[in-house]
Amino acid sequence: MPPRIPDSLSSILPKRERKSLGALQVYPEHVSFNSQDPGESIYILMRSHIAVNIGWVIRFFAGLLAPLVLTFLVIFFNSVLESRSIPPIQISDLLPISNWLMILLFYYSLAVSYALANFLDWYFDVYLVTNLRILHVDFRVFTGKFVAEAALVNIEDVSTHIIGFLPSFFDYGDVLVQTAAEKAKFNLIALPSPSWFRDVITDLSNLAKGKRERGYSNHAETVYEAPTIIEEEGGEP
């Protein structure tokens, strides 16, 4: 049975949407990329679900509390020593107070840098869907960015993988795109609403293939109809 070919882009993505605290945006505004072709339009911008940040956020706040916990333990230990008539430990005997303050400042600088690096890795690691292709911009703070792409007309199969409690609870998972190109697999990690994204990619691919079979040009302005974008009411900020 041949795949269903959608009537138009508007039937696939009828309106502008913003969900999952900005991790999923349909028809994003003020977004472009370096290799964008003339007339190429961005339909979807996605990041990994915000829930993937839970681990490093917990570690960050645990790190912020660590010096306070250590101070509490020293005070408690000294109270035990005093109750046994043993001289307590004096932190100032080990290092001057000014040195301790410098160590503390350096420690918190590292903690903030750790949090900032993880946030930037998440925020700028994006997936873009245009009228021609899917792109993954893999941003890495210390090594730069890497870009991979797959043409919509080359997509053969799209599947989802939702494994574990958090992905099931927050509705995010991996989307595996199988293409006819030499690099056969395109893996999109921890996307919000993966089933919705799978269906959209499948429909966009079928639309692109249907247009090509009917002899349309690959140029963006002739292959796809410009949709009437309707602002979503009451959407997430």
Foldseek 3Di string as FASTA:
>chain_A
DDDDADPAPCVLPVAWAAALPRQKTAQDPPDDDDPADVLKGWGIKHFFHPVVCPVLVVVLVCLVCVVVVVVVVLVVVQVVCVVVVHHGDDPCVVPNPVVVVVVVVVSNVVSVVSVVQVVCQRPPQMWIDILFWIKTWRQHDPPGTDIDIDTLLFWDAKDWDQDDDVCVVQVWTKIWTAGPDPPGIDIDGNTHNRVSVRVSSPNSSSLQNVQVVVPWDPRNVTSHDDHDHDHDPPHDD
